[in-house]
N, C-alpha and C. Protein backbone atom coordinates (compact mmCIF):
# COMPACT_ATOMS: atom_id res chain seq x y z
N MET A 1 23.03 -13.35 71.44
CA MET A 1 22.73 -11.97 71.10
C MET A 1 23.12 -11.65 69.65
N LEU A 2 24.31 -12.14 69.24
CA LEU A 2 24.79 -11.92 67.88
C LEU A 2 23.86 -12.56 66.86
N GLN A 3 23.38 -13.77 67.20
CA GLN A 3 22.46 -14.46 66.28
C GLN A 3 21.17 -13.67 66.10
N ARG A 4 20.66 -13.06 67.17
CA ARG A 4 19.43 -12.27 67.08
C ARG A 4 19.63 -11.05 66.17
N LYS A 5 20.81 -10.41 66.28
CA LYS A 5 21.11 -9.23 65.45
C LYS A 5 21.19 -9.63 63.97
N ILE A 6 21.85 -10.76 63.71
CA ILE A 6 21.97 -11.25 62.33
C ILE A 6 20.59 -11.57 61.76
N PHE A 7 19.74 -12.19 62.58
CA PHE A 7 18.38 -12.53 62.15
C PHE A 7 17.59 -11.25 61.84
N ALA A 8 17.72 -10.22 62.71
CA ALA A 8 16.99 -8.96 62.53
C ALA A 8 17.43 -8.27 61.25
N VAL A 9 18.73 -8.24 61.00
CA VAL A 9 19.25 -7.62 59.77
C VAL A 9 18.76 -8.37 58.54
N GLY A 10 18.80 -9.71 58.62
CA GLY A 10 18.32 -10.53 57.50
C GLY A 10 16.85 -10.33 57.22
N ALA A 11 16.04 -10.26 58.27
CA ALA A 11 14.60 -10.06 58.12
C ALA A 11 14.30 -8.69 57.52
N THR A 12 15.05 -7.67 57.96
CA THR A 12 14.87 -6.31 57.42
C THR A 12 15.20 -6.28 55.94
N ALA A 13 16.29 -6.96 55.55
CA ALA A 13 16.69 -7.01 54.14
C ALA A 13 15.62 -7.68 53.29
N LEU A 14 15.01 -8.75 53.83
CA LEU A 14 13.93 -9.43 53.10
C LEU A 14 12.73 -8.52 52.90
N VAL A 15 12.36 -7.79 53.94
CA VAL A 15 11.21 -6.87 53.85
C VAL A 15 11.48 -5.78 52.83
N LEU A 16 12.68 -5.18 52.88
CA LEU A 16 13.03 -4.12 51.93
C LEU A 16 13.05 -4.64 50.50
N GLY A 17 13.56 -5.86 50.34
CA GLY A 17 13.55 -6.48 49.01
C GLY A 17 12.15 -6.68 48.49
N ALA A 18 11.25 -7.12 49.36
CA ALA A 18 9.85 -7.34 48.96
C ALA A 18 9.19 -6.03 48.58
N ILE A 19 9.47 -4.94 49.34
CA ILE A 19 8.90 -3.63 49.02
C ILE A 19 9.40 -3.16 47.67
N ALA A 20 10.69 -3.32 47.41
CA ALA A 20 11.26 -2.90 46.12
C ALA A 20 10.63 -3.67 44.98
N LEU A 21 10.39 -4.98 45.19
CA LEU A 21 9.76 -5.81 44.16
C LEU A 21 8.36 -5.32 43.86
N VAL A 22 7.59 -5.01 44.91
CA VAL A 22 6.23 -4.51 44.72
C VAL A 22 6.24 -3.18 43.99
N GLU A 23 7.20 -2.27 44.35
CA GLU A 23 7.28 -0.97 43.68
C GLU A 23 7.62 -1.14 42.21
N ASN A 24 8.55 -2.04 41.89
CA ASN A 24 8.90 -2.27 40.50
C ASN A 24 7.73 -2.83 39.71
N GLN A 25 6.98 -3.75 40.33
CA GLN A 25 5.83 -4.32 39.64
C GLN A 25 4.76 -3.25 39.43
N ALA A 26 4.56 -2.40 40.43
CA ALA A 26 3.56 -1.33 40.31
C ALA A 26 3.94 -0.39 39.19
N GLY A 27 5.25 -0.05 39.10
CA GLY A 27 5.70 0.83 38.03
C GLY A 27 5.43 0.24 36.66
N ALA A 28 5.68 -1.05 36.51
CA ALA A 28 5.43 -1.71 35.23
C ALA A 28 3.94 -1.72 34.90
N ASP A 29 3.11 -1.99 35.92
CA ASP A 29 1.67 -2.04 35.70
C ASP A 29 1.11 -0.68 35.32
N GLU A 30 1.69 0.39 35.89
CA GLU A 30 1.19 1.73 35.61
C GLU A 30 1.37 2.10 34.14
N ALA A 31 2.39 1.57 33.48
CA ALA A 31 2.61 1.87 32.06
C ALA A 31 1.58 1.18 31.18
N VAL A 32 1.07 0.03 31.64
CA VAL A 32 0.10 -0.74 30.84
C VAL A 32 -1.30 -0.24 31.18
N ASN A 33 -1.58 1.02 30.83
CA ASN A 33 -2.89 1.56 31.20
C ASN A 33 -3.53 2.38 30.09
N TRP A 34 -3.18 2.06 28.85
CA TRP A 34 -3.84 2.67 27.70
C TRP A 34 -4.77 1.66 27.05
N THR A 35 -5.89 2.13 26.55
CA THR A 35 -6.79 1.29 25.76
C THR A 35 -7.30 2.09 24.57
N LEU A 36 -7.66 1.39 23.52
CA LEU A 36 -8.33 2.01 22.37
C LEU A 36 -9.82 1.78 22.52
N THR A 37 -10.60 2.83 22.40
CA THR A 37 -12.05 2.73 22.54
C THR A 37 -12.74 3.44 21.38
N GLY A 38 -13.99 3.11 21.18
CA GLY A 38 -14.82 3.81 20.19
C GLY A 38 -14.24 3.84 18.79
N CYS A 39 -13.57 2.77 18.38
CA CYS A 39 -12.93 2.74 17.06
C CYS A 39 -13.95 2.71 15.93
N GLU A 40 -13.57 3.28 14.79
CA GLU A 40 -14.41 3.24 13.60
C GLU A 40 -14.70 1.79 13.23
N GLY A 41 -15.95 1.49 12.97
CA GLY A 41 -16.33 0.13 12.59
C GLY A 41 -16.29 -0.85 13.75
N GLY A 42 -16.03 -0.37 14.96
CA GLY A 42 -16.05 -1.23 16.13
C GLY A 42 -14.83 -2.12 16.29
N LYS A 43 -13.77 -1.86 15.50
CA LYS A 43 -12.56 -2.69 15.64
C LYS A 43 -11.30 -1.85 15.38
N VAL A 44 -10.19 -2.34 15.91
CA VAL A 44 -8.90 -1.66 15.73
C VAL A 44 -8.33 -2.06 14.38
N ALA A 45 -8.00 -1.07 13.55
CA ALA A 45 -7.44 -1.33 12.23
C ALA A 45 -6.31 -0.36 11.96
N SER A 46 -5.33 -0.77 11.17
CA SER A 46 -4.25 0.14 10.79
C SER A 46 -4.85 1.30 10.00
N GLY A 47 -4.60 2.52 10.45
CA GLY A 47 -5.14 3.69 9.77
C GLY A 47 -6.56 4.06 10.19
N GLY A 48 -7.18 3.24 11.06
CA GLY A 48 -8.52 3.53 11.54
C GLY A 48 -8.47 4.42 12.77
N LYS A 49 -9.44 5.29 12.91
CA LYS A 49 -9.45 6.23 14.04
C LYS A 49 -10.10 5.61 15.27
N CYS A 50 -9.50 5.90 16.44
CA CYS A 50 -10.00 5.43 17.73
C CYS A 50 -9.81 6.54 18.76
N ASN A 51 -10.31 6.31 19.95
CA ASN A 51 -9.95 7.11 21.11
C ASN A 51 -8.85 6.36 21.86
N LEU A 52 -7.82 7.08 22.29
CA LEU A 52 -6.74 6.49 23.07
C LEU A 52 -6.95 6.92 24.52
N LYS A 53 -7.49 6.00 25.32
CA LYS A 53 -7.92 6.32 26.67
C LYS A 53 -6.90 5.86 27.70
N ASN A 54 -6.64 6.72 28.68
CA ASN A 54 -5.74 6.37 29.77
C ASN A 54 -6.56 5.97 30.99
N GLN A 55 -6.22 4.83 31.57
CA GLN A 55 -6.97 4.33 32.72
C GLN A 55 -6.67 5.12 34.00
N GLY A 56 -5.55 5.86 34.01
CA GLY A 56 -5.19 6.62 35.19
C GLY A 56 -6.09 7.81 35.45
N ASN A 57 -6.54 8.45 34.36
CA ASN A 57 -7.42 9.62 34.53
C ASN A 57 -8.75 9.48 33.80
N GLN A 58 -8.94 8.33 33.12
CA GLN A 58 -10.19 8.04 32.40
C GLN A 58 -10.49 9.09 31.33
N ARG A 59 -9.45 9.67 30.74
CA ARG A 59 -9.62 10.65 29.68
C ARG A 59 -8.79 10.21 28.47
N CYS A 60 -9.00 10.87 27.35
CA CYS A 60 -8.35 10.45 26.11
C CYS A 60 -7.33 11.47 25.62
N LEU A 61 -6.29 10.95 24.97
CA LEU A 61 -5.25 11.80 24.41
C LEU A 61 -5.80 12.49 23.16
N ILE A 62 -5.66 13.81 23.11
CA ILE A 62 -6.18 14.59 21.98
C ILE A 62 -5.10 15.52 21.45
N HIS A 63 -5.29 15.99 20.21
CA HIS A 63 -4.38 17.01 19.67
C HIS A 63 -4.70 18.33 20.35
N ASP A 64 -3.67 18.95 20.91
CA ASP A 64 -3.85 20.20 21.65
C ASP A 64 -2.58 21.02 21.47
N LYS A 65 -2.69 22.16 20.82
CA LYS A 65 -1.52 23.00 20.52
C LYS A 65 -0.96 23.58 21.81
N ASN A 66 0.32 23.31 22.08
CA ASN A 66 0.98 23.81 23.28
C ASN A 66 2.34 24.39 22.90
N ARG A 67 2.52 25.68 23.11
CA ARG A 67 3.77 26.34 22.73
C ARG A 67 4.93 25.82 23.58
N GLY A 68 6.01 25.40 22.91
CA GLY A 68 7.22 24.96 23.61
C GLY A 68 7.16 23.58 24.20
N GLN A 69 6.07 22.84 23.90
CA GLN A 69 5.96 21.48 24.42
C GLN A 69 5.13 20.63 23.46
N THR A 70 4.88 19.41 23.84
CA THR A 70 4.14 18.46 23.01
C THR A 70 2.74 18.96 22.69
N ASP A 71 2.34 18.79 21.44
CA ASP A 71 1.01 19.23 21.00
C ASP A 71 -0.05 18.16 21.28
N TRP A 72 -0.10 17.74 22.53
CA TRP A 72 -1.17 16.85 22.93
C TRP A 72 -1.62 17.19 24.35
N GLY A 73 -2.76 16.65 24.73
CA GLY A 73 -3.29 16.85 26.06
C GLY A 73 -4.39 15.83 26.28
N PHE A 74 -5.16 15.97 27.35
CA PHE A 74 -6.25 15.06 27.63
C PHE A 74 -7.59 15.78 27.48
N GLY A 75 -8.56 15.06 26.94
CA GLY A 75 -9.89 15.62 26.76
C GLY A 75 -10.94 14.53 26.81
N ASN A 76 -12.16 14.89 26.43
CA ASN A 76 -13.26 13.93 26.41
C ASN A 76 -13.02 12.87 25.34
N CYS A 77 -13.50 11.67 25.61
CA CYS A 77 -13.30 10.54 24.69
C CYS A 77 -14.45 10.48 23.67
N ASP A 78 -14.55 11.50 22.84
CA ASP A 78 -15.63 11.49 21.86
C ASP A 78 -15.20 11.96 20.47
N GLY A 79 -13.87 12.12 20.29
CA GLY A 79 -13.42 12.69 19.03
C GLY A 79 -12.77 11.75 18.05
N GLN A 80 -12.48 10.50 18.45
CA GLN A 80 -11.76 9.53 17.60
C GLN A 80 -10.57 10.21 16.92
N GLN A 81 -9.66 10.73 17.73
CA GLN A 81 -8.55 11.51 17.19
C GLN A 81 -7.30 10.70 16.89
N VAL A 82 -7.18 9.50 17.45
CA VAL A 82 -5.91 8.76 17.37
C VAL A 82 -5.95 7.68 16.29
N THR A 83 -4.84 7.60 15.55
CA THR A 83 -4.67 6.58 14.52
C THR A 83 -3.35 5.87 14.75
N LEU A 84 -3.37 4.54 14.76
CA LEU A 84 -2.14 3.74 14.79
C LEU A 84 -1.95 3.13 13.41
N VAL A 85 -0.78 3.35 12.82
CA VAL A 85 -0.50 2.84 11.48
C VAL A 85 0.61 1.80 11.57
N THR A 86 0.40 0.62 11.00
CA THR A 86 1.44 -0.40 10.97
C THR A 86 2.15 -0.36 9.63
N LYS A 87 3.39 -0.83 9.60
CA LYS A 87 4.15 -0.85 8.35
C LYS A 87 3.54 -1.82 7.33
N SER A 88 2.97 -2.90 7.84
CA SER A 88 2.42 -3.92 6.95
C SER A 88 1.02 -3.57 6.45
N GLY A 89 0.36 -2.65 7.13
CA GLY A 89 -1.02 -2.32 6.77
C GLY A 89 -2.04 -3.23 7.44
N ALA A 90 -1.54 -4.25 8.16
CA ALA A 90 -2.44 -5.16 8.89
C ALA A 90 -2.85 -4.51 10.21
N ALA A 91 -3.89 -5.06 10.83
CA ALA A 91 -4.36 -4.54 12.12
C ALA A 91 -3.24 -4.65 13.15
N PRO A 92 -3.09 -3.64 14.01
CA PRO A 92 -2.01 -3.66 15.01
C PRO A 92 -2.12 -4.85 15.96
N LYS A 93 -0.96 -5.44 16.25
CA LYS A 93 -0.86 -6.54 17.23
C LYS A 93 0.13 -6.13 18.31
N CYS A 94 0.04 -6.81 19.44
CA CYS A 94 0.98 -6.57 20.52
C CYS A 94 2.39 -6.88 20.04
N GLY A 95 3.30 -5.97 20.29
CA GLY A 95 4.68 -6.12 19.84
C GLY A 95 4.98 -5.39 18.56
N ASP A 96 3.95 -4.94 17.83
CA ASP A 96 4.16 -4.24 16.56
C ASP A 96 4.78 -2.86 16.77
N THR A 97 5.58 -2.46 15.77
CA THR A 97 6.05 -1.09 15.67
C THR A 97 5.01 -0.31 14.87
N VAL A 98 4.61 0.84 15.39
CA VAL A 98 3.55 1.62 14.74
C VAL A 98 3.93 3.10 14.69
N ALA A 99 3.23 3.84 13.83
CA ALA A 99 3.28 5.30 13.83
C ALA A 99 2.03 5.78 14.54
N LEU A 100 2.18 6.82 15.37
CA LEU A 100 1.08 7.36 16.16
C LEU A 100 0.67 8.71 15.59
N LYS A 101 -0.58 8.79 15.17
CA LYS A 101 -1.12 10.03 14.62
C LYS A 101 -2.27 10.51 15.49
N ILE A 102 -2.20 11.79 15.88
CA ILE A 102 -3.29 12.40 16.64
C ILE A 102 -3.75 13.61 15.86
N GLY A 103 -5.02 13.64 15.50
CA GLY A 103 -5.50 14.69 14.59
C GLY A 103 -4.83 14.51 13.25
N ASN A 104 -4.13 15.53 12.77
CA ASN A 104 -3.45 15.46 11.47
C ASN A 104 -1.93 15.38 11.60
N GLU A 105 -1.43 15.10 12.80
CA GLU A 105 0.01 15.10 13.01
C GLU A 105 0.52 13.75 13.53
N PHE A 106 1.70 13.35 13.02
CA PHE A 106 2.39 12.16 13.52
C PHE A 106 3.36 12.58 14.62
N PHE A 107 3.39 11.81 15.71
CA PHE A 107 4.18 12.14 16.88
C PHE A 107 5.39 11.22 17.02
N ARG A 108 6.49 11.79 17.56
CA ARG A 108 7.74 11.06 17.73
C ARG A 108 8.55 11.76 18.81
N LYS A 109 9.61 11.09 19.28
CA LYS A 109 10.51 11.74 20.24
C LYS A 109 11.29 12.85 19.52
N CYS A 110 11.43 14.00 20.20
CA CYS A 110 12.20 15.12 19.63
C CYS A 110 13.68 14.80 19.61
N VAL A 111 14.39 15.37 18.65
CA VAL A 111 15.84 15.25 18.60
C VAL A 111 16.46 16.18 19.64
N SER A 112 15.95 17.41 19.75
CA SER A 112 16.40 18.37 20.76
C SER A 112 15.31 18.56 21.80
N PRO A 113 15.68 18.79 23.06
CA PRO A 113 14.67 18.95 24.11
C PRO A 113 13.77 20.16 23.90
N GLN A 114 12.50 20.01 24.19
CA GLN A 114 11.57 21.13 24.18
C GLN A 114 11.74 21.92 25.48
N LEU A 115 10.99 23.00 25.61
CA LEU A 115 11.12 23.86 26.79
C LEU A 115 10.67 23.16 28.07
N VAL A 116 9.53 22.46 28.00
CA VAL A 116 8.99 21.74 29.16
C VAL A 116 8.32 20.46 28.69
N GLY A 117 8.09 19.55 29.62
CA GLY A 117 7.29 18.36 29.32
C GLY A 117 8.07 17.16 28.83
N ILE A 118 7.35 16.28 28.16
CA ILE A 118 7.85 14.94 27.83
C ILE A 118 8.76 14.89 26.61
N ASN A 119 8.88 15.98 25.84
CA ASN A 119 9.79 16.05 24.70
C ASN A 119 9.38 15.14 23.54
N ILE A 120 8.13 15.30 23.13
CA ILE A 120 7.61 14.61 21.95
C ILE A 120 7.25 15.66 20.90
N CYS A 121 7.75 15.50 19.68
CA CYS A 121 7.48 16.43 18.58
C CYS A 121 6.48 15.82 17.61
N SER A 122 5.95 16.66 16.72
CA SER A 122 4.97 16.16 15.74
C SER A 122 5.04 16.97 14.45
N GLU A 123 4.62 16.34 13.38
CA GLU A 123 4.57 16.97 12.06
C GLU A 123 3.28 16.58 11.35
N SER A 124 2.76 17.51 10.56
CA SER A 124 1.63 17.18 9.69
C SER A 124 2.17 16.39 8.50
N ALA A 125 1.54 15.27 8.21
CA ALA A 125 1.97 14.44 7.08
C ALA A 125 0.83 13.53 6.68
N SER A 126 0.77 13.20 5.40
CA SER A 126 -0.29 12.30 4.92
C SER A 126 0.03 10.85 5.25
N SER A 127 1.33 10.54 5.40
CA SER A 127 1.75 9.19 5.77
C SER A 127 3.01 9.27 6.62
N PRO A 128 3.33 8.21 7.39
CA PRO A 128 4.51 8.26 8.27
C PRO A 128 5.81 8.40 7.47
N GLN A 129 6.74 9.18 8.02
CA GLN A 129 8.04 9.42 7.39
C GLN A 129 9.13 8.62 8.10
N GLU A 130 10.06 8.09 7.31
CA GLU A 130 11.16 7.29 7.87
C GLU A 130 12.28 8.17 8.41
N HIS A 131 12.58 9.27 7.72
CA HIS A 131 13.61 10.22 8.17
C HIS A 131 13.01 11.62 8.12
N ILE A 132 13.25 12.39 9.17
CA ILE A 132 12.64 13.71 9.26
C ILE A 132 13.71 14.78 9.33
N GLY A 133 13.67 15.70 8.37
CA GLY A 133 14.61 16.82 8.37
C GLY A 133 16.07 16.42 8.33
N GLY A 134 16.38 15.34 7.63
CA GLY A 134 17.77 14.90 7.51
C GLY A 134 18.33 14.25 8.77
N THR A 135 17.47 13.92 9.71
CA THR A 135 17.91 13.26 10.95
C THR A 135 17.48 11.80 10.94
N ASN A 136 17.87 11.08 11.99
CA ASN A 136 17.43 9.69 12.14
C ASN A 136 16.07 9.59 12.81
N ALA A 137 15.45 10.74 13.11
CA ALA A 137 14.11 10.73 13.71
C ALA A 137 13.13 10.10 12.73
N THR A 138 12.19 9.35 13.27
CA THR A 138 11.22 8.64 12.43
C THR A 138 9.86 8.63 13.10
N HIS A 139 8.83 8.61 12.28
CA HIS A 139 7.47 8.47 12.83
C HIS A 139 7.20 7.04 13.29
N TRP A 140 8.00 6.08 12.81
CA TRP A 140 7.87 4.69 13.26
C TRP A 140 8.59 4.56 14.60
N ASP A 141 8.07 5.26 15.60
CA ASP A 141 8.78 5.46 16.85
C ASP A 141 8.07 4.83 18.05
N TRP A 142 7.06 4.02 17.79
CA TRP A 142 6.23 3.49 18.88
C TRP A 142 6.09 1.99 18.79
N GLN A 143 5.98 1.36 19.94
CA GLN A 143 5.76 -0.08 19.99
C GLN A 143 4.66 -0.38 21.00
N ILE A 144 3.80 -1.31 20.65
CA ILE A 144 2.72 -1.74 21.54
C ILE A 144 3.28 -2.82 22.45
N LYS A 145 3.29 -2.56 23.75
CA LYS A 145 3.88 -3.49 24.70
C LYS A 145 2.91 -3.78 25.84
N GLY A 146 3.36 -4.64 26.77
CA GLY A 146 2.57 -4.92 27.97
C GLY A 146 1.44 -5.91 27.75
N CYS A 147 1.46 -6.60 26.63
CA CYS A 147 0.45 -7.63 26.33
C CYS A 147 1.16 -8.76 25.60
N ALA A 148 0.47 -9.89 25.42
CA ALA A 148 1.09 -11.07 24.82
C ALA A 148 1.44 -10.79 23.36
N GLU A 149 2.72 -10.89 23.03
CA GLU A 149 3.19 -10.57 21.69
C GLU A 149 2.47 -11.39 20.62
N GLY A 150 2.07 -10.70 19.56
CA GLY A 150 1.40 -11.36 18.44
C GLY A 150 -0.10 -11.44 18.55
N THR A 151 -0.65 -11.08 19.73
CA THR A 151 -2.11 -11.12 19.87
C THR A 151 -2.73 -9.82 19.35
N PRO A 152 -3.93 -9.88 18.78
CA PRO A 152 -4.56 -8.67 18.23
C PRO A 152 -4.79 -7.61 19.31
N LEU A 153 -4.66 -6.36 18.91
CA LEU A 153 -4.93 -5.25 19.82
C LEU A 153 -6.41 -4.90 19.69
N ASP A 154 -7.22 -5.52 20.53
CA ASP A 154 -8.66 -5.30 20.48
C ASP A 154 -9.04 -4.05 21.28
N GLN A 155 -10.24 -3.55 21.04
CA GLN A 155 -10.75 -2.44 21.83
C GLN A 155 -10.78 -2.81 23.31
N ASP A 156 -10.48 -1.85 24.15
CA ASP A 156 -10.51 -1.98 25.61
C ASP A 156 -9.46 -2.94 26.17
N LYS A 157 -8.50 -3.37 25.35
CA LYS A 157 -7.43 -4.25 25.82
C LYS A 157 -6.25 -3.39 26.29
N PRO A 158 -5.85 -3.46 27.56
CA PRO A 158 -4.78 -2.59 28.07
C PRO A 158 -3.43 -2.89 27.41
N PHE A 159 -2.67 -1.83 27.18
CA PHE A 159 -1.32 -1.98 26.62
C PHE A 159 -0.48 -0.78 27.06
N ALA A 160 0.83 -0.90 26.85
CA ALA A 160 1.77 0.19 27.12
C ALA A 160 2.14 0.84 25.80
N LEU A 161 2.18 2.16 25.80
CA LEU A 161 2.58 2.93 24.62
C LEU A 161 4.07 3.24 24.78
N HIS A 162 4.90 2.40 24.16
CA HIS A 162 6.35 2.43 24.36
C HIS A 162 7.02 3.20 23.24
N ASN A 163 7.91 4.13 23.61
CA ASN A 163 8.66 4.88 22.60
C ASN A 163 10.01 4.21 22.38
N ILE A 164 10.30 3.89 21.13
CA ILE A 164 11.51 3.14 20.79
C ILE A 164 12.76 3.99 20.98
N ALA A 165 12.72 5.26 20.53
CA ALA A 165 13.90 6.12 20.64
C ALA A 165 14.27 6.39 22.10
N LYS A 166 13.28 6.55 22.95
CA LYS A 166 13.51 6.83 24.37
C LYS A 166 13.69 5.55 25.17
N ASN A 167 13.18 4.43 24.65
CA ASN A 167 13.17 3.14 25.36
C ASN A 167 12.45 3.27 26.70
N ASP A 168 11.28 3.89 26.64
CA ASP A 168 10.46 4.09 27.82
C ASP A 168 9.01 4.25 27.37
N SER A 169 8.10 4.10 28.30
CA SER A 169 6.67 4.17 27.97
C SER A 169 6.03 5.45 28.50
N VAL A 170 5.04 5.95 27.78
CA VAL A 170 4.31 7.15 28.17
C VAL A 170 3.23 6.77 29.18
N VAL A 171 3.16 7.54 30.26
CA VAL A 171 2.13 7.33 31.28
C VAL A 171 1.48 8.66 31.63
N PHE A 172 0.31 8.59 32.25
CA PHE A 172 -0.32 9.77 32.81
C PHE A 172 0.36 10.09 34.13
N ALA A 173 0.75 11.35 34.32
CA ALA A 173 1.33 11.81 35.59
C ALA A 173 1.12 13.30 35.68
N LYS A 174 0.83 13.77 36.85
CA LYS A 174 0.56 15.19 37.06
C LYS A 174 1.84 16.01 36.89
N ARG A 175 1.67 17.15 36.20
CA ARG A 175 2.73 18.13 36.03
C ARG A 175 2.21 19.50 36.46
N PRO A 176 3.10 20.50 36.55
CA PRO A 176 2.62 21.83 36.90
C PRO A 176 1.57 22.33 35.90
N SER A 177 0.79 23.31 36.32
CA SER A 177 -0.27 23.88 35.50
C SER A 177 0.22 24.24 34.10
N LYS A 178 -0.61 23.98 33.11
CA LYS A 178 -0.37 24.31 31.71
C LYS A 178 0.69 23.44 31.04
N VAL A 179 1.13 22.38 31.69
CA VAL A 179 2.01 21.41 31.05
C VAL A 179 1.23 20.11 30.93
N ALA A 180 1.25 19.50 29.73
CA ALA A 180 0.48 18.27 29.49
C ALA A 180 0.86 17.19 30.49
N ASP A 181 -0.14 16.54 31.08
CA ASP A 181 0.06 15.56 32.15
C ASP A 181 0.48 14.19 31.63
N THR A 182 1.60 14.16 30.90
CA THR A 182 2.18 12.89 30.47
C THR A 182 3.66 12.88 30.88
N CYS A 183 4.18 11.68 31.08
CA CYS A 183 5.53 11.53 31.60
C CYS A 183 6.08 10.19 31.12
N TRP A 184 7.40 10.03 31.18
CA TRP A 184 8.00 8.72 30.94
C TRP A 184 7.82 7.89 32.20
N ALA A 185 7.54 6.62 32.04
CA ALA A 185 7.27 5.74 33.19
C ALA A 185 8.42 5.77 34.20
N SER A 186 9.67 5.84 33.72
CA SER A 186 10.82 5.83 34.62
C SER A 186 10.97 7.13 35.40
N LYS A 187 10.27 8.18 34.98
CA LYS A 187 10.37 9.49 35.64
C LYS A 187 9.15 9.80 36.50
N MET A 188 8.26 8.83 36.67
CA MET A 188 7.04 9.05 37.43
C MET A 188 7.14 8.40 38.80
N LYS A 189 6.73 9.14 39.82
CA LYS A 189 6.72 8.61 41.18
C LYS A 189 5.50 9.17 41.91
N PHE A 190 4.73 8.26 42.51
CA PHE A 190 3.54 8.65 43.27
C PHE A 190 2.58 9.52 42.45
N GLY A 191 2.44 9.18 41.17
CA GLY A 191 1.49 9.89 40.31
C GLY A 191 1.97 11.24 39.80
N GLN A 192 3.22 11.63 40.13
CA GLN A 192 3.78 12.90 39.70
C GLN A 192 4.98 12.65 38.80
N CYS A 193 5.20 13.56 37.86
CA CYS A 193 6.40 13.48 37.04
C CYS A 193 7.53 14.19 37.79
N THR A 194 8.68 13.57 37.89
CA THR A 194 9.76 14.10 38.72
C THR A 194 10.67 15.08 37.97
N THR A 195 10.40 15.32 36.69
CA THR A 195 11.21 16.27 35.91
C THR A 195 10.32 17.33 35.28
N ILE A 196 10.89 18.52 35.08
CA ILE A 196 10.16 19.60 34.39
C ILE A 196 10.30 19.43 32.89
N ARG A 197 11.50 19.05 32.46
CA ARG A 197 11.78 18.87 31.04
C ARG A 197 12.53 17.58 30.83
N ASP A 198 12.02 16.74 29.92
CA ASP A 198 12.69 15.48 29.61
C ASP A 198 13.53 15.64 28.36
N LYS A 199 14.53 14.77 28.21
CA LYS A 199 15.37 14.79 27.03
C LYS A 199 15.04 13.63 26.13
């Protein structure tokens, strides 16, 4: 009888471990769901405009003024609003640190929390800034992840948009009405963002 109980407990632990492994893998896969589409000249280039499309909702990240939160949202993929800039000026590769520009603004993690949402700030600038407002905040705040390091970032190639300051990746996740549907991968569960305001 004791042996049967030990076997049952062991089998249950194995099943729970397998479920946890699948959930962790799913979480990682969900972050690798951005692609660049419709790029100028048909290729991804540093400083070239593209559409940044999310596979979760099949829509593109656009500049969208939102009071008290990140000035981005999702819209139709026809505006070529997104620019990735590399420090070297070469075409972006997997593993590169880049500056992310949407419309005329460069985006980065905020130093202080915003009222709601993912806590990403932006500034209008002609080129990426290393230090902003006397702080350590920088526009060089993004890394291309989730693909083989050193390989070119081609159109329609999935990748994760990883924020260096937060050490987390941006994903599509539903939020309450009038809050941009983006979240940190670690704060997303079952397609929903589990926080109202991120730090």
